[in-house]
């Protein structure tokens, strides 16, 4: 039988693992995160929440949903930015 304490412990362990994989050594001029939340992407790209949603819906910007949060790979955002500049 799984108890509430078991689930809380699992949640904490899972969040620690996500945080551990979300950060890599910082390169000059780049963010230190591998995964960005929606508000970080909007700020980085200078776009609205609706525009970000359109990028998700039409498949322009891949994303991963964990729980109720949406995460974007930093490298995918760089690719998108490079596409717009070419």
C-alpha atoms as a PDB file:
ATOM      1  CA  UNK A   1       0.000   0.000   0.000  1.00  0.00           C
ATOM      2  CA  UNK A   2       1.302   3.435  -0.957  1.00  0.00           C
ATOM      3  CA  UNK A   3       0.932   6.092   1.700  1.00  0.00           C
ATOM      4  CA  UNK A   4       0.761   9.861   1.408  1.00  0.00           C
ATOM      5  CA  UNK A   5       4.260  10.052   2.929  1.00  0.00           C
ATOM      6  CA  UNK A   6       5.544   7.683   0.216  1.00  0.00           C
ATOM      7  CA  UNK A   7       4.110   9.957  -2.461  1.00  0.00           C
ATOM      8  CA  UNK A   8       5.593  13.075  -0.836  1.00  0.00           C
ATOM      9  CA  UNK A   9       9.013  11.409  -0.639  1.00  0.00           C
ATOM     10  CA  UNK A  10       8.753  10.328  -4.292  1.00  0.00           C
ATOM     11  CA  UNK A  11       7.746  13.857  -5.318  1.00  0.00           C
ATOM     12  CA  UNK A  12      10.767  15.360  -3.548  1.00  0.00           C
ATOM     13  CA  UNK A  13      13.121  12.811  -5.124  1.00  0.00           C
ATOM     14  CA  UNK A  14      11.635  13.415  -8.576  1.00  0.00           C
ATOM     15  CA  UNK A  15      11.968  17.190  -8.271  1.00  0.00           C
ATOM     16  CA  UNK A  16      15.585  16.812  -7.157  1.00  0.00           C
ATOM     17  CA  UNK A  17      16.301  14.651 -10.209  1.00  0.00           C
ATOM     18  CA  UNK A  18      14.642  17.158 -12.541  1.00  0.00           C
ATOM     19  CA  UNK A  19      16.663  20.005 -11.033  1.00  0.00           C
ATOM     20  CA  UNK A  20      19.866  17.968 -11.298  1.00  0.00           C
ATOM     21  CA  UNK A  21      19.355  17.386 -15.018  1.00  0.00           C
ATOM     22  CA  UNK A  22      18.094  20.894 -15.744  1.00  0.00           C
ATOM     23  CA  UNK A  23      21.432  22.654 -15.120  1.00  0.00           C
ATOM     24  CA  UNK A  24      24.728  22.324 -16.961  1.00  0.00           C
ATOM     25  CA  UNK A  25      27.977  24.337 -16.831  1.00  0.00           C
ATOM     26  CA  UNK A  26      27.475  27.849 -18.147  1.00  0.00           C
ATOM     27  CA  UNK A  27      29.062  28.869 -21.449  1.00  0.00           C
ATOM     28  CA  UNK A  28      29.902  32.473 -22.236  1.00  0.00           C
ATOM     29  CA  UNK A  29      26.767  34.428 -23.111  1.00  0.00           C
ATOM     30  CA  UNK A  30      24.366  31.517 -22.599  1.00  0.00           C
ATOM     31  CA  UNK A  31      21.908  30.580 -19.914  1.00  0.00           C
ATOM     32  CA  UNK A  32      22.956  27.945 -17.390  1.00  0.00           C
ATOM     33  CA  UNK A  33      19.724  25.991 -17.811  1.00  0.00           C
ATOM     34  CA  UNK A  34      18.893  23.187 -20.171  1.00  0.00           C
ATOM     35  CA  UNK A  35      15.146  23.516 -19.578  1.00  0.00           C
ATOM     36  CA  UNK A  36      13.242  26.797 -19.378  1.00  0.00           C
ATOM     37  CA  UNK A  37       9.748  27.532 -18.092  1.00  0.00           C
ATOM     38  CA  UNK A  38       7.211  29.424 -20.179  1.00  0.00           C
ATOM     39  CA  UNK A  39       7.811  32.793 -18.515  1.00  0.00           C
ATOM     40  CA  UNK A  40      11.553  32.476 -19.159  1.00  0.00           C
ATOM     41  CA  UNK A  41      10.971  31.679 -22.838  1.00  0.00           C
ATOM     42  CA  UNK A  42       8.558  34.593 -23.235  1.00  0.00           C
ATOM     43  CA  UNK A  43      11.088  36.952 -21.664  1.00  0.00           C
ATOM     44  CA  UNK A  44      13.957  35.570 -23.764  1.00  0.00           C
ATOM     45  CA  UNK A  45      12.033  35.826 -27.035  1.00  0.00           C
ATOM     46  CA  UNK A  46      10.085  38.953 -26.129  1.00  0.00           C
ATOM     47  CA  UNK A  47       6.731  37.362 -26.951  1.00  0.00           C
ATOM     48  CA  UNK A  48       3.315  37.114 -25.317  1.00  0.00           C
ATOM     49  CA  UNK A  49       1.787  34.031 -23.714  1.00  0.00           C
ATOM     50  CA  UNK A  50      -0.544  33.693 -26.707  1.00  0.00           C
ATOM     51  CA  UNK A  51       2.317  33.743 -29.188  1.00  0.00           C
ATOM     52  CA  UNK A  52       4.148  31.092 -27.171  1.00  0.00           C
ATOM     53  CA  UNK A  53       1.008  28.964 -27.169  1.00  0.00           C
ATOM     54  CA  UNK A  54       0.775  29.319 -30.966  1.00  0.00           C
ATOM     55  CA  UNK A  55       4.393  28.171 -31.301  1.00  0.00           C
ATOM     56  CA  UNK A  56       3.508  25.074 -29.240  1.00  0.00           C
ATOM     57  CA  UNK A  57       0.258  24.331 -31.060  1.00  0.00           C
ATOM     58  CA  UNK A  58       1.682  24.609 -34.574  1.00  0.00           C
ATOM     59  CA  UNK A  59       4.744  22.529 -33.650  1.00  0.00           C
ATOM     60  CA  UNK A  60       7.289  25.298 -34.179  1.00  0.00           C
ATOM     61  CA  UNK A  61       8.642  24.978 -30.640  1.00  0.00           C
ATOM     62  CA  UNK A  62       8.801  21.514 -29.035  1.00  0.00           C
ATOM     63  CA  UNK A  63       7.984  21.277 -25.344  1.00  0.00           C
ATOM     64  CA  UNK A  64       7.656  18.823 -22.484  1.00  0.00           C
ATOM     65  CA  UNK A  65       4.867  18.909 -19.958  1.00  0.00           C
ATOM     66  CA  UNK A  66       5.587  17.682 -16.443  1.00  0.00           C
ATOM     67  CA  UNK A  67       2.643  17.891 -14.112  1.00  0.00           C
ATOM     68  CA  UNK A  68       1.038  21.231 -14.876  1.00  0.00           C
ATOM     69  CA  UNK A  69       4.262  22.929 -16.000  1.00  0.00           C
ATOM     70  CA  UNK A  70       5.552  23.257 -19.535  1.00  0.00           C
ATOM     71  CA  UNK A  71       9.298  23.167 -20.179  1.00  0.00           C
ATOM     72  CA  UNK A  72      11.256  24.052 -23.302  1.00  0.00           C
ATOM     73  CA  UNK A  73      14.777  22.945 -24.207  1.00  0.00           C
ATOM     74  CA  UNK A  74      17.141  25.880 -24.418  1.00  0.00           C
ATOM     75  CA  UNK A  75      18.744  24.390 -27.537  1.00  0.00           C
ATOM     76  CA  UNK A  76      15.316  24.286 -29.273  1.00  0.00           C
ATOM     77  CA  UNK A  77      14.856  27.979 -28.506  1.00  0.00           C
ATOM     78  CA  UNK A  78      18.304  28.721 -29.960  1.00  0.00           C
ATOM     79  CA  UNK A  79      17.368  26.794 -33.114  1.00  0.00           C
ATOM     80  CA  UNK A  80      14.137  28.778 -33.403  1.00  0.00           C
ATOM     81  CA  UNK A  81      16.016  32.056 -32.980  1.00  0.00           C
ATOM     82  CA  UNK A  82      18.586  31.031 -35.605  1.00  0.00           C
ATOM     83  CA  UNK A  83      15.805  30.074 -38.034  1.00  0.00           C
ATOM     84  CA  UNK A  84      14.223  33.501 -37.682  1.00  0.00           C
ATOM     85  CA  UNK A  85      17.565  35.183 -38.381  1.00  0.00           C
ATOM     86  CA  UNK A  86      18.192  33.273 -41.631  1.00  0.00           C
END
